[in-house]
Amino acid sequence: MKKGFTLLELLGVIALLGLLMIISYPIIVGQIEKKQKEVDSARLELIYSGVESYIKEHPEEYPYRVGNSYCIPLDTVVNANKIAIDVSDVTQQGVQVNMGSNYNFVYRLVEKCSENTSH
């Protein structure tokens, strides 16, 4: 009596495993991309929350008036301990903040802040 698997049986198992990989790969990649977008969105929310807290604690520097617009460098917010991210990642980046009615802030991440001027 022989022990072991035949070549045909081994090829069949390999083919089934390959088929399972082909079917599951796009699903796994899609889930990874979805989770990465969720992480990026959560990171932006934390940054915007830290910037809003910084603005509210510095009203003399960033007075609230409807229509005012400021660009706040992220390293300023990090150094004020409002957000905890690696400063080397954000040395040039900033957040453009536009002030609307009822303390409605509109945020946009920008590559570089020129000056903190109001409009």
PDB file of N, CA and C in Angstrom:
ATOM      1  N   MET A   1       0.837  -1.172   0.000  1.00  0.00           N
ATOM      2  CA  MET A   1       0.000   0.000   0.000  1.00  0.00           C
ATOM      3  C   MET A   1       0.891   1.247   0.000  1.00  0.00           C
ATOM      4  N   LYS A   2       0.614   2.165  -0.954  1.00  0.00           N
ATOM      5  CA  LYS A   2       1.381   3.401  -1.069  1.00  0.00           C
ATOM      6  C   LYS A   2       0.796   4.478  -0.169  1.00  0.00           C
ATOM      7  N   LYS A   3       1.682   5.287   0.401  1.00  0.00           N
ATOM      8  CA  LYS A   3       1.240   6.423   1.213  1.00  0.00           C
ATOM      9  C   LYS A   3       1.572   7.709   0.463  1.00  0.00           C
ATOM     10  N   GLY A   4       0.755   8.736   0.623  1.00  0.00           N
ATOM     11  CA  GLY A   4       1.024  10.029   0.003  1.00  0.00           C
ATOM     12  C   GLY A   4      -0.037  10.380  -1.027  1.00  0.00           C
ATOM     13  N   PHE A   5       0.186  11.526  -1.655  1.00  0.00           N
ATOM     14  CA  PHE A   5      -0.756  12.038  -2.642  1.00  0.00           C
ATOM     15  C   PHE A   5      -0.188  11.847  -4.039  1.00  0.00           C
ATOM     16  N   THR A   6      -1.067  11.702  -4.993  1.00  0.00           N
ATOM     17  CA  THR A   6      -0.626  11.615  -6.376  1.00  0.00           C
ATOM     18  C   THR A   6      -0.378  13.020  -6.898  1.00  0.00           C
ATOM     19  N   LEU A   7       0.319  13.103  -8.012  1.00  0.00           N
ATOM     20  CA  LEU A   7       0.617  14.385  -8.635  1.00  0.00           C
ATOM     21  C   LEU A   7      -0.674  15.099  -9.035  1.00  0.00           C
ATOM     22  N   LEU A   8      -1.633  14.372  -9.515  1.00  0.00           N
ATOM     23  CA  LEU A   8      -2.912  14.956  -9.922  1.00  0.00           C
ATOM     24  C   LEU A   8      -3.649  15.566  -8.730  1.00  0.00           C
ATOM     25  N   GLU A   9      -3.617  14.885  -7.604  1.00  0.00           N
ATOM     26  CA  GLU A   9      -4.270  15.419  -6.401  1.00  0.00           C
ATOM     27  C   GLU A   9      -3.575  16.699  -5.931  1.00  0.00           C
ATOM     28  N   LEU A  10      -2.261  16.733  -5.952  1.00  0.00           N
ATOM     29  CA  LEU A  10      -1.522  17.927  -5.552  1.00  0.00           C
ATOM     30  C   LEU A  10      -1.797  19.097  -6.494  1.00  0.00           C
ATOM     31  N   LEU A  11      -1.845  18.821  -7.794  1.00  0.00           N
ATOM     32  CA  LEU A  11      -2.152  19.873  -8.765  1.00  0.00           C
ATOM     33  C   LEU A  11      -3.579  20.406  -8.567  1.00  0.00           C
ATOM     34  N   GLY A  12      -4.487  19.506  -8.233  1.00  0.00           N
ATOM     35  CA  GLY A  12      -5.868  19.939  -7.972  1.00  0.00           C
ATOM     36  C   GLY A  12      -5.954  20.862  -6.774  1.00  0.00           C
ATOM     37  N   VAL A  13      -5.247  20.547  -5.706  1.00  0.00           N
ATOM     38  CA  VAL A  13      -5.241  21.395  -4.506  1.00  0.00           C
ATOM     39  C   VAL A  13      -4.606  22.745  -4.814  1.00  0.00           C
ATOM     40  N   ILE A  14      -3.505  22.739  -5.549  1.00  0.00           N
ATOM     41  CA  ILE A  14      -2.834  24.000  -5.919  1.00  0.00           C
ATOM     42  C   ILE A  14      -3.753  24.859  -6.786  1.00  0.00           C
ATOM     43  N   ALA A  15      -4.467  24.226  -7.719  1.00  0.00           N
ATOM     44  CA  ALA A  15      -5.394  24.964  -8.578  1.00  0.00           C
ATOM     45  C   ALA A  15      -6.524  25.582  -7.754  1.00  0.00           C
ATOM     46  N   LEU A  16      -7.064  24.833  -6.792  1.00  0.00           N
ATOM     47  CA  LEU A  16      -8.123  25.374  -5.939  1.00  0.00           C
ATOM     48  C   LEU A  16      -7.621  26.542  -5.096  1.00  0.00           C
ATOM     49  N   LEU A  17      -6.427  26.415  -4.551  1.00  0.00           N
ATOM     50  CA  LEU A  17      -5.850  27.522  -3.770  1.00  0.00           C
ATOM     51  C   LEU A  17      -5.624  28.755  -4.654  1.00  0.00           C
ATOM     52  N   GLY A  18      -5.173  28.531  -5.867  1.00  0.00           N
ATOM     53  CA  GLY A  18      -4.985  29.642  -6.802  1.00  0.00           C
ATOM     54  C   GLY A  18      -6.302  30.319  -7.130  1.00  0.00           C
ATOM     55  N   LEU A  19      -7.334  29.532  -7.342  1.00  0.00           N
ATOM     56  CA  LEU A  19      -8.666  30.076  -7.630  1.00  0.00           C
ATOM     57  C   LEU A  19      -9.190  30.894  -6.454  1.00  0.00           C
ATOM     58  N   LEU A  20      -9.001  30.387  -5.241  1.00  0.00           N
ATOM     59  CA  LEU A  20      -9.411  31.136  -4.053  1.00  0.00           C
ATOM     60  C   LEU A  20      -8.653  32.464  -3.935  1.00  0.00           C
ATOM     61  N   MET A  21      -7.367  32.466  -4.271  1.00  0.00           N
ATOM     62  CA  MET A  21      -6.580  33.698  -4.231  1.00  0.00           C
ATOM     63  C   MET A  21      -7.092  34.698  -5.265  1.00  0.00           C
ATOM     64  N   ILE A  22      -7.387  34.223  -6.453  1.00  0.00           N
ATOM     65  CA  ILE A  22      -7.878  35.107  -7.513  1.00  0.00           C
ATOM     66  C   ILE A  22      -9.202  35.745  -7.107  1.00  0.00           C
ATOM     67  N   ILE A  23     -10.065  34.978  -6.475  1.00  0.00           N
ATOM     68  CA  ILE A  23     -11.366  35.488  -6.056  1.00  0.00           C
ATOM     69  C   ILE A  23     -11.239  36.446  -4.876  1.00  0.00           C
ATOM     70  N   SER A  24     -10.395  36.115  -3.917  1.00  0.00           N
ATOM     71  CA  SER A  24     -10.335  36.914  -2.693  1.00  0.00           C
ATOM     72  C   SER A  24      -9.424  38.136  -2.785  1.00  0.00           C
ATOM     73  N   TYR A  25      -8.469  38.154  -3.690  1.00  0.00           N
ATOM     74  CA  TYR A  25      -7.512  39.260  -3.766  1.00  0.00           C
ATOM     75  C   TYR A  25      -8.183  40.630  -3.939  1.00  0.00           C
ATOM     76  N   PRO A  26      -9.100  40.809  -4.921  1.00  0.00           N
ATOM     77  CA  PRO A  26      -9.730  42.131  -5.068  1.00  0.00           C
ATOM     78  C   PRO A  26     -10.533  42.545  -3.834  1.00  0.00           C
ATOM     79  N   ILE A  27     -11.126  41.591  -3.154  1.00  0.00           N
ATOM     80  CA  ILE A  27     -11.899  41.900  -1.948  1.00  0.00           C
ATOM     81  C   ILE A  27     -10.968  42.393  -0.851  1.00  0.00           C
ATOM     82  N   ILE A  28      -9.855  41.712  -0.666  1.00  0.00           N
ATOM     83  CA  ILE A  28      -8.899  42.105   0.371  1.00  0.00           C
ATOM     84  C   ILE A  28      -8.300  43.474   0.063  1.00  0.00           C
ATOM     85  N   VAL A  29      -7.898  43.692  -1.186  1.00  0.00           N
ATOM     86  CA  VAL A  29      -7.320  44.981  -1.572  1.00  0.00           C
ATOM     87  C   VAL A  29      -8.345  46.096  -1.394  1.00  0.00           C
ATOM     88  N   GLY A  30      -9.582  45.843  -1.753  1.00  0.00           N
ATOM     89  CA  GLY A  30     -10.642  46.846  -1.578  1.00  0.00           C
ATOM     90  C   GLY A  30     -10.850  47.216  -0.119  1.00  0.00           C
ATOM     91  N   GLN A  31     -10.819  46.229   0.757  1.00  0.00           N
ATOM     92  CA  GLN A  31     -10.976  46.486   2.186  1.00  0.00           C
ATOM     93  C   GLN A  31      -9.798  47.287   2.738  1.00  0.00           C
ATOM     94  N   ILE A  32      -8.595  46.984   2.281  1.00  0.00           N
ATOM     95  CA  ILE A  32      -7.417  47.721   2.727  1.00  0.00           C
ATOM     96  C   ILE A  32      -7.512  49.180   2.287  1.00  0.00           C
ATOM     97  N   GLU A  33      -7.902  49.425   1.050  1.00  0.00           N
ATOM     98  CA  GLU A  33      -8.038  50.799   0.554  1.00  0.00           C
ATOM     99  C   GLU A  33      -9.128  51.545   1.309  1.00  0.00           C
ATOM    100  N   LYS A  34     -10.238  50.873   1.596  1.00  0.00           N
ATOM    101  CA  LYS A  34     -11.330  51.499   2.343  1.00  0.00           C
ATOM    102  C   LYS A  34     -10.869  51.906   3.740  1.00  0.00           C
ATOM    103  N   LYS A  35     -10.156  51.027   4.411  1.00  0.00           N
ATOM    104  CA  LYS A  35      -9.664  51.328   5.765  1.00  0.00           C
ATOM    105  C   LYS A  35      -8.634  52.449   5.732  1.00  0.00           C
ATOM    106  N   GLN A  36      -7.801  52.495   4.685  1.00  0.00           N
ATOM    107  CA  GLN A  36      -6.812  53.566   4.576  1.00  0.00           C
ATOM    108  C   GLN A  36      -7.501  54.919   4.408  1.00  0.00           C
ATOM    109  N   LYS A  37      -8.580  54.950   3.641  1.00  0.00           N
ATOM    110  CA  LYS A  37      -9.340  56.202   3.483  1.00  0.00           C
ATOM    111  C   LYS A  37      -9.963  56.618   4.808  1.00  0.00           C
ATOM    112  N   GLU A  38     -10.450  55.649   5.582  1.00  0.00           N
ATOM    113  CA  GLU A  38     -11.017  55.961   6.894  1.00  0.00           C
ATOM    114  C   GLU A  38      -9.951  56.516   7.834  1.00  0.00           C
ATOM    115  N   VAL A  39      -8.757  55.951   7.785  1.00  0.00           N
ATOM    116  CA  VAL A  39      -7.652  56.436   8.617  1.00  0.00           C
ATOM    117  C   VAL A  39      -7.275  57.859   8.208  1.00  0.00           C
ATOM    118  N   ASP A  40      -7.184  58.107   6.904  1.00  0.00           N
ATOM    119  CA  ASP A  40      -6.854  59.449   6.416  1.00  0.00           C
ATOM    120  C   ASP A  40      -7.912  60.457   6.831  1.00  0.00           C
ATOM    121  N   SER A  41      -9.176  60.077   6.732  1.00  0.00           N
ATOM    122  CA  SER A  41     -10.270  60.958   7.124  1.00  0.00           C
ATOM    123  C   SER A  41     -10.218  61.268   8.618  1.00  0.00           C
ATOM    124  N   ALA A  42      -9.952  60.255   9.426  1.00  0.00           N
ATOM    125  CA  ALA A  42      -9.855  60.460  10.876  1.00  0.00           C
ATOM    126  C   ALA A  42      -8.668  61.348  11.220  1.00  0.00           C
ATOM    127  N   ARG A  43      -7.564  61.169  10.509  1.00  0.00           N
ATOM    128  CA  ARG A  43      -6.379  62.007  10.746  1.00  0.00           C
ATOM    129  C   ARG A  43      -6.691  63.466  10.423  1.00  0.00           C
ATOM    130  N   LEU A  44      -7.384  63.712   9.317  1.00  0.00           N
ATOM    131  CA  LEU A  44      -7.764  65.081   8.968  1.00  0.00           C
ATOM    132  C   LEU A  44      -8.691  65.684  10.018  1.00  0.00           C
ATOM    133  N   GLU A  45      -9.630  64.899  10.511  1.00  0.00           N
ATOM    134  CA  GLU A  45     -10.532  65.398  11.552  1.00  0.00           C
ATOM    135  C   GLU A  45      -9.763  65.803  12.802  1.00  0.00           C
ATOM    136  N   LEU A  46      -8.769  65.013  13.182  1.00  0.00           N
ATOM    137  CA  LEU A  46      -7.943  65.355  14.347  1.00  0.00           C
ATOM    138  C   LEU A  46      -7.148  66.633  14.103  1.00  0.00           C
ATOM    139  N   ILE A  47      -6.601  66.765  12.911  1.00  0.00           N
ATOM    140  CA  ILE A  47      -5.850  67.977  12.581  1.00  0.00           C
ATOM    141  C   ILE A  47      -6.767  69.194  12.635  1.00  0.00           C
ATOM    142  N   TYR A  48      -7.937  69.098  12.003  1.00  0.00           N
ATOM    143  CA  TYR A  48      -8.860  70.235  11.981  1.00  0.00           C
ATOM    144  C   TYR A  48      -9.345  70.581  13.385  1.00  0.00           C
ATOM    145  N   SER A  49      -9.574  69.572  14.219  1.00  0.00           N
ATOM    146  CA  SER A  49      -9.991  69.817  15.595  1.00  0.00           C
ATOM    147  C   SER A  49      -8.892  70.543  16.373  1.00  0.00           C
ATOM    148  N   GLY A  50      -7.644  70.130  16.182  1.00  0.00           N
ATOM    149  CA  GLY A  50      -6.527  70.797  16.840  1.00  0.00           C
ATOM    150  C   GLY A  50      -6.361  72.232  16.383  1.00  0.00           C
ATOM    151  N   VAL A  51      -6.550  72.468  15.091  1.00  0.00           N
ATOM    152  CA  VAL A  51      -6.452  73.828  14.552  1.00  0.00           C
ATOM    153  C   VAL A  51      -7.575  74.700  15.110  1.00  0.00           C
ATOM    154  N   GLU A  52      -8.776  74.156  15.173  1.00  0.00           N
ATOM    155  CA  GLU A  52      -9.899  74.928  15.723  1.00  0.00           C
ATOM    156  C   GLU A  52      -9.649  75.283  17.181  1.00  0.00           C
ATOM    157  N   SER A  53      -9.129  74.346  17.945  1.00  0.00           N
ATOM    158  CA  SER A  53      -8.805  74.607  19.350  1.00  0.00           C
ATOM    159  C   SER A  53      -7.734  75.687  19.453  1.00  0.00           C
ATOM    160  N   TYR A  54      -6.737  75.622  18.592  1.00  0.00           N
ATOM    161  CA  TYR A  54      -5.667  76.622  18.593  1.00  0.00           C
ATOM    162  C   TYR A  54      -6.221  78.008  18.272  1.00  0.00           C
ATOM    163  N   ILE A  55      -7.105  78.084  17.272  1.00  0.00           N
ATOM    164  CA  ILE A  55      -7.702  79.376  16.886  1.00  0.00           C
ATOM    165  C   ILE A  55      -8.498  79.959  18.044  1.00  0.00           C
ATOM    166  N   LYS A  56      -9.292  79.127  18.694  1.00  0.00           N
ATOM    167  CA  LYS A  56     -10.141  79.620  19.786  1.00  0.00           C
ATOM    168  C   LYS A  56      -9.319  80.059  20.996  1.00  0.00           C
ATOM    169  N   GLU A  57      -8.128  79.496  21.182  1.00  0.00           N
ATOM    170  CA  GLU A  57      -7.272  79.902  22.289  1.00  0.00           C
ATOM    171  C   GLU A  57      -6.402  81.113  21.949  1.00  0.00           C
ATOM    172  N   HIS A  58      -6.372  81.535  20.702  1.00  0.00           N
ATOM    173  CA  HIS A  58      -5.585  82.691  20.265  1.00  0.00           C
ATOM    174  C   HIS A  58      -6.459  83.684  19.502  1.00  0.00           C
ATOM    175  N   PRO A  59      -7.520  84.220  20.149  1.00  0.00           N
ATOM    176  CA  PRO A  59      -8.429  85.126  19.434  1.00  0.00           C
ATOM    177  C   PRO A  59      -7.767  86.449  19.041  1.00  0.00           C
ATOM    178  N   GLU A  60      -6.716  86.846  19.773  1.00  0.00           N
ATOM    179  CA  GLU A  60      -6.045  88.093  19.415  1.00  0.00           C
ATOM    180  C   GLU A  60      -5.261  87.946  18.106  1.00  0.00           C
ATOM    181  N   GLU A  61      -4.783  86.774  17.849  1.00  0.00           N
ATOM    182  CA  GLU A  61      -4.026  86.522  16.626  1.00  0.00           C
ATOM    183  C   GLU A  61      -4.940  86.143  15.462  1.00  0.00           C
ATOM    184  N   TYR A  62      -6.038  85.449  15.780  1.00  0.00           N
ATOM    185  CA  TYR A  62      -6.989  85.001  14.761  1.00  0.00           C
ATOM    186  C   TYR A  62      -8.394  85.435  15.162  1.00  0.00           C
ATOM    187  N   PRO A  63      -8.698  86.738  15.053  1.00  0.00           N
ATOM    188  CA  PRO A  63     -10.028  87.206  15.475  1.00  0.00           C
ATOM    189  C   PRO A  63     -11.126  86.600  14.603  1.00  0.00           C
ATOM    190  N   TYR A  64     -12.238  86.274  15.270  1.00  0.00           N
ATOM    191  CA  TYR A  64     -13.350  85.682  14.533  1.00  0.00           C
ATOM    192  C   TYR A  64     -14.197  86.771  13.905  1.00  0.00           C
ATOM    193  N   ARG A  65     -14.212  86.797  12.601  1.00  0.00           N
ATOM    194  CA  ARG A  65     -15.111  87.648  11.828  1.00  0.00           C
ATOM    195  C   ARG A  65     -15.541  86.838  10.615  1.00  0.00           C
ATOM    196  N   VAL A  66     -16.815  86.893  10.307  1.00  0.00           N
ATOM    197  CA  VAL A  66     -17.307  86.162   9.146  1.00  0.00           C
ATOM    198  C   VAL A  66     -16.552  86.643   7.913  1.00  0.00           C
ATOM    199  N   GLY A  67     -16.021  85.720   7.178  1.00  0.00           N
ATOM    200  CA  GLY A  67     -15.279  86.046   5.964  1.00  0.00           C
ATOM    201  C   GLY A  67     -13.777  86.070   6.156  1.00  0.00           C
ATOM    202  N   ASN A  68     -13.290  86.074   7.399  1.00  0.00           N
ATOM    203  CA  ASN A  68     -11.848  86.031   7.623  1.00  0.00           C
ATOM    204  C   ASN A  68     -11.291  84.701   7.143  1.00  0.00           C
ATOM    205  N   SER A  69     -10.068  84.763   6.672  1.00  0.00           N
ATOM    206  CA  SER A  69      -9.405  83.559   6.189  1.00  0.00           C
ATOM    207  C   SER A  69      -7.972  83.565   6.695  1.00  0.00           C
ATOM    208  N   TYR A  70      -7.542  82.454   7.273  1.00  0.00           N
ATOM    209  CA  TYR A  70      -6.196  82.332   7.813  1.00  0.00           C
ATOM    210  C   TYR A  70      -5.551  81.048   7.321  1.00  0.00           C
ATOM    211  N   CYS A  71      -4.235  81.092   7.221  1.00  0.00           N
ATOM    212  CA  CYS A  71      -3.478  79.880   6.947  1.00  0.00           C
ATOM    213  C   CYS A  71      -2.577  79.662   8.148  1.00  0.00           C
ATOM    214  N   ILE A  72      -2.771  78.559   8.831  1.00  0.00           N
ATOM    215  CA  ILE A  72      -2.044  78.273  10.055  1.00  0.00           C
ATOM    216  C   ILE A  72      -1.083  77.104   9.796  1.00  0.00           C
ATOM    217  N   PRO A  73       0.218  77.344   9.955  1.00  0.00           N
ATOM    218  CA  PRO A  73       1.179  76.253   9.746  1.00  0.00           C
ATOM    219  C   PRO A  73       0.956  75.124  10.748  1.00  0.00           C
ATOM    220  N   LEU A  74       1.028  73.901  10.277  1.00  0.00           N
ATOM    221  CA  LEU A  74       0.785  72.758  11.155  1.00  0.00           C
ATOM    222  C   LEU A  74       1.846  72.633  12.240  1.00  0.00           C
ATOM    223  N   ASP A  75       3.086  73.025  11.951  1.00  0.00           N
ATOM    224  CA  ASP A  75       4.099  72.919  12.991  1.00  0.00           C
ATOM    225  C   ASP A  75       3.797  73.847  14.165  1.00  0.00           C
ATOM    226  N   THR A  76       3.103  74.970  13.916  1.00  0.00           N
ATOM    227  CA  THR A  76       2.674  75.863  14.998  1.00  0.00           C
ATOM    228  C   THR A  76       1.676  75.156  15.904  1.00  0.00           C
ATOM    229  N   VAL A  77       0.744  74.445  15.301  1.00  0.00           N
ATOM    230  CA  VAL A  77      -0.284  73.733  16.059  1.00  0.00           C
ATOM    231  C   VAL A  77       0.334  72.552  16.820  1.00  0.00           C
ATOM    232  N   VAL A  78       1.287  71.886  16.188  1.00  0.00           N
ATOM    233  CA  VAL A  78       1.977  70.767  16.849  1.00  0.00           C
ATOM    234  C   VAL A  78       2.769  71.282  18.046  1.00  0.00           C
ATOM    235  N   ASN A  79       3.492  72.385  17.860  1.00  0.00           N
ATOM    236  CA  ASN A  79       4.301  72.939  18.946  1.00  0.00           C
ATOM    237  C   ASN A  79       3.451  73.458  20.105  1.00  0.00           C
ATOM    238  N   ALA A  80       2.183  73.785  19.827  1.00  0.00           N
ATOM    239  CA  ALA A  80       1.261  74.217  20.886  1.00  0.00           C
ATOM    240  C   ALA A  80       0.585  73.016  21.553  1.00  0.00           C
ATOM    241  N   ASN A  81       1.011  71.812  21.192  1.00  0.00           N
ATOM    242  CA  ASN A  81       0.477  70.561  21.747  1.00  0.00           C
ATOM    243  C   ASN A  81      -1.020  70.375  21.500  1.00  0.00           C
ATOM    244  N   LYS A  82      -1.490  70.836  20.354  1.00  0.00           N
ATOM    245  CA  LYS A  82      -2.894  70.631  19.987  1.00  0.00           C
ATOM    246  C   LYS A  82      -3.090  69.359  19.171  1.00  0.00           C
ATOM    247  N   ILE A  83      -2.045  68.950  18.472  1.00  0.00           N
ATOM    248  CA  ILE A  83      -2.068  67.680  17.748  1.00  0.00           C
ATOM    249  C   ILE A  83      -0.709  67.021  17.933  1.00  0.00           C
ATOM    250  N   ALA A  84      -0.693  65.701  17.871  1.00  0.00           N
ATOM    251  CA  ALA A  84       0.557  64.961  18.051  1.00  0.00           C
ATOM    252  C   ALA A  84       0.875  64.194  16.778  1.00  0.00           C
ATOM    253  N   ILE A  85       1.655  64.839  15.907  1.00  0.00           N
ATOM    254  CA  ILE A  85       2.141  64.171  14.713  1.00  0.00           C
ATOM    255  C   ILE A  85       3.608  64.531  14.553  1.00  0.00           C
ATOM    256  N   ASP A  86       4.313  63.785  13.756  1.00  0.00           N
ATOM    257  CA  ASP A  86       5.728  64.032  13.540  1.00  0.00           C
ATOM    258  C   ASP A  86       5.901  65.360  12.811  1.00  0.00           C
ATOM    259  N   VAL A  87       6.625  66.293  13.429  1.00  0.00           N
ATOM    260  CA  VAL A  87       6.793  67.637  12.864  1.00  0.00           C
ATOM    261  C   VAL A  87       7.536  67.594  11.542  1.00  0.00           C
ATOM    262  N   SER A  88       8.418  66.633  11.354  1.00  0.00           N
ATOM    263  CA  SER A  88       9.156  66.563  10.093  1.00  0.00           C
ATOM    264  C   SER A  88       8.224  66.300   8.913  1.00  0.00           C
ATOM    265  N   ASP A  89       7.051  65.727   9.188  1.00  0.00           N
ATOM    266  CA  ASP A  89       6.087  65.463   8.123  1.00  0.00           C
ATOM    267  C   ASP A  89       5.340  66.716   7.687  1.00  0.00           C
ATOM    268  N   VAL A  90       5.313  67.745   8.534  1.00  0.00           N
ATOM    269  CA  VAL A  90       4.414  68.879   8.282  1.00  0.00           C
ATOM    270  C   VAL A  90       5.118  70.229   8.281  1.00  0.00           C
ATOM    271  N   THR A  91       6.432  70.253   8.069  1.00  0.00           N
ATOM    272  CA  THR A  91       7.146  71.520   8.197  1.00  0.00           C
ATOM    273  C   THR A  91       6.654  72.578   7.228  1.00  0.00           C
ATOM    274  N   GLN A  92       6.219  72.188   6.063  1.00  0.00           N
ATOM    275  CA  GLN A  92       5.745  73.158   5.079  1.00  0.00           C
ATOM    276  C   GLN A  92       4.220  73.228   4.997  1.00  0.00           C
ATOM    277  N   GLN A  93       3.526  72.232   5.539  1.00  0.00           N
ATOM    278  CA  GLN A  93       2.081  72.166   5.374  1.00  0.00           C
ATOM    279  C   GLN A  93       1.364  73.101   6.335  1.00  0.00           C
ATOM    280  N   GLY A  94       0.142  73.423   5.959  1.00  0.00           N
ATOM    281  CA  GLY A  94      -0.685  74.246   6.812  1.00  0.00           C
ATOM    282  C   GLY A  94      -2.145  73.945   6.571  1.00  0.00           C
ATOM    283  N   VAL A  95      -2.996  74.645   7.334  1.00  0.00           N
ATOM    284  CA  VAL A  95      -4.436  74.489   7.180  1.00  0.00           C
ATOM    285  C   VAL A  95      -5.016  75.857   6.861  1.00  0.00           C
ATOM    286  N   GLN A  96      -5.713  75.940   5.750  1.00  0.00           N
ATOM    287  CA  GLN A  96      -6.414  77.158   5.372  1.00  0.00           C
ATOM    288  C   GLN A  96      -7.774  77.127   6.065  1.00  0.00           C
ATOM    289  N   VAL A  97      -8.070  78.152   6.848  1.00  0.00           N
ATOM    290  CA  VAL A  97      -9.311  78.207   7.608  1.00  0.00           C
ATOM    291  C   VAL A  97     -10.118  79.408   7.117  1.00  0.00           C
ATOM    292  N   ASN A  98     -11.331  79.137   6.679  1.00  0.00           N
ATOM    293  CA  ASN A  98     -12.254  80.203   6.302  1.00  0.00           C
ATOM    294  C   ASN A  98     -13.369  80.241   7.334  1.00  0.00           C
ATOM    295  N   MET A  99     -13.655  81.424   7.842  1.00  0.00           N
ATOM    296  CA  MET A  99     -14.646  81.559   8.904  1.00  0.00           C
ATOM    297  C   MET A  99     -15.999  81.939   8.323  1.00  0.00           C
ATOM    298  N   GLY A 100     -17.004  81.165   8.729  1.00  0.00           N
ATOM    299  CA  GLY A 100     -18.367  81.427   8.305  1.00  0.00           C
ATOM    300  C   GLY A 100     -19.205  81.866   9.489  1.00  0.00           C
ATOM    301  N   SER A 101     -20.495  81.950   9.297  1.00  0.00           N
ATOM    302  CA  SER A 101     -21.380  82.382  10.373  1.00  0.00           C
ATOM    303  C   SER A 101     -21.514  81.298  11.435  1.00  0.00           C
ATOM    304  N   ASN A 102     -21.864  81.692  12.655  1.00  0.00           N
ATOM    305  CA  ASN A 102     -22.074  80.783  13.788  1.00  0.00           C
ATOM    306  C   ASN A 102     -20.857  79.888  14.070  1.00  0.00           C
ATOM    307  N   TYR A 103     -19.672  80.469  14.003  1.00  0.00           N
ATOM    308  CA  TYR A 103     -18.430  79.733  14.239  1.00  0.00           C
ATOM    309  C   TYR A 103     -18.328  78.487  13.368  1.00  0.00           C
ATOM    310  N   ASN A 104     -18.758  78.619  12.154  1.00  0.00           N
ATOM    311  CA  ASN A 104     -18.660  77.540  11.184  1.00  0.00           C
ATOM    312  C   ASN A 104     -17.331  77.697  10.446  1.00  0.00           C
ATOM    313  N   PHE A 105     -16.375  76.822  10.729  1.00  0.00           N
ATOM    314  CA  PHE A 105     -15.070  76.880  10.104  1.00  0.00           C
ATOM    315  C   PHE A 105     -15.016  75.915   8.928  1.00  0.00           C
ATOM    316  N   VAL A 106     -14.413  76.368   7.842  1.00  0.00           N
ATOM    317  CA  VAL A 106     -14.203  75.517   6.678  1.00  0.00           C
ATOM    318  C   VAL A 106     -12.697  75.338   6.539  1.00  0.00           C
ATOM    319  N   TYR A 107     -12.235  74.083   6.554  1.00  0.00           N
ATOM    320  CA  TYR A 107     -10.811  73.778   6.563  1.00  0.00           C
ATOM    321  C   TYR A 107     -10.376  73.180   5.232  1.00  0.00           C
ATOM    322  N   ARG A 108      -9.116  73.436   4.921  1.00  0.00           N
ATOM    323  CA  ARG A 108      -8.511  72.812   3.738  1.00  0.00           C
ATOM    324  C   ARG A 108      -7.019  72.664   4.010  1.00  0.00           C
ATOM    325  N   LEU A 109      -6.507  71.453   3.864  1.00  0.00           N
ATOM    326  CA  LEU A 109      -5.082  71.191   4.054  1.00  0.00           C
ATOM    327  C   LEU A 109      -4.338  71.722   2.835  1.00  0.00           C
ATOM    328  N   VAL A 110      -3.301  72.533   3.059  1.00  0.00           N
ATOM    329  CA  VAL A 110      -2.530  73.112   1.957  1.00  0.00           C
ATOM    330  C   VAL A 110      -1.073  72.693   2.101  1.00  0.00           C
ATOM    331  N   GLU A 111      -0.363  72.714   0.987  1.00  0.00           N
ATOM    332  CA  GLU A 111       1.043  72.313   0.986  1.00  0.00           C
ATOM    333  C   GLU A 111       1.926  73.341   1.674  1.00  0.00           C
ATOM    334  N   LYS A 112       1.580  74.634   1.561  1.00  0.00           N
ATOM    335  CA  LYS A 112       2.447  75.654   2.136  1.00  0.00           C
ATOM    336  C   LYS A 112       1.612  76.867   2.528  1.00  0.00           C
ATOM    337  N   CYS A 113       1.907  77.394   3.714  1.00  0.00           N
ATOM    338  CA  CYS A 113       1.292  78.644   4.148  1.00  0.00           C
ATOM    339  C   CYS A 113       2.217  79.785   3.804  1.00  0.00           C
ATOM    340  N   SER A 114       1.648  80.831   3.206  1.00  0.00           N
ATOM    341  CA  SER A 114       2.496  81.982   2.915  1.00  0.00           C
ATOM    342  C   SER A 114       2.539  82.894   4.127  1.00  0.00           C
ATOM    343  N   GLU A 115       1.381  83.463   4.519  1.00  0.00           N
ATOM    344  CA  GLU A 115       1.327  84.325   5.696  1.00  0.00           C
ATOM    345  C   GLU A 115      -0.011  84.119   6.388  1.00  0.00           C
ATOM    346  N   ASN A 116      -0.064  84.471   7.670  1.00  0.00           N
ATOM    347  CA  ASN A 116      -1.300  84.385   8.436  1.00  0.00           C
ATOM    348  C   ASN A 116      -2.035  85.714   8.336  1.00  0.00           C
ATOM    349  N   THR A 117      -2.605  85.973   7.209  1.00  0.00           N
ATOM    350  CA  THR A 117      -3.297  87.233   7.010  1.00  0.00           C
ATOM    351  C   THR A 117      -4.794  87.005   6.960  1.00  0.00           C
ATOM    352  N   SER A 118      -5.544  88.004   7.394  1.00  0.00           N
ATOM    353  CA  SER A 118      -7.000  87.904   7.302  1.00  0.00           C
ATOM    354  C   SER A 118      -7.465  88.654   6.079  1.00  0.00           C
ATOM    355  N   HIS A 119      -8.562  88.205   5.548  1.00  0.00           N
ATOM    356  CA  HIS A 119      -9.149  88.852   4.357  1.00  0.00           C
ATOM    357  C   HIS A 119     -10.478  89.444   4.701  1.00  0.00           C
TER     358      HIS A 119
END
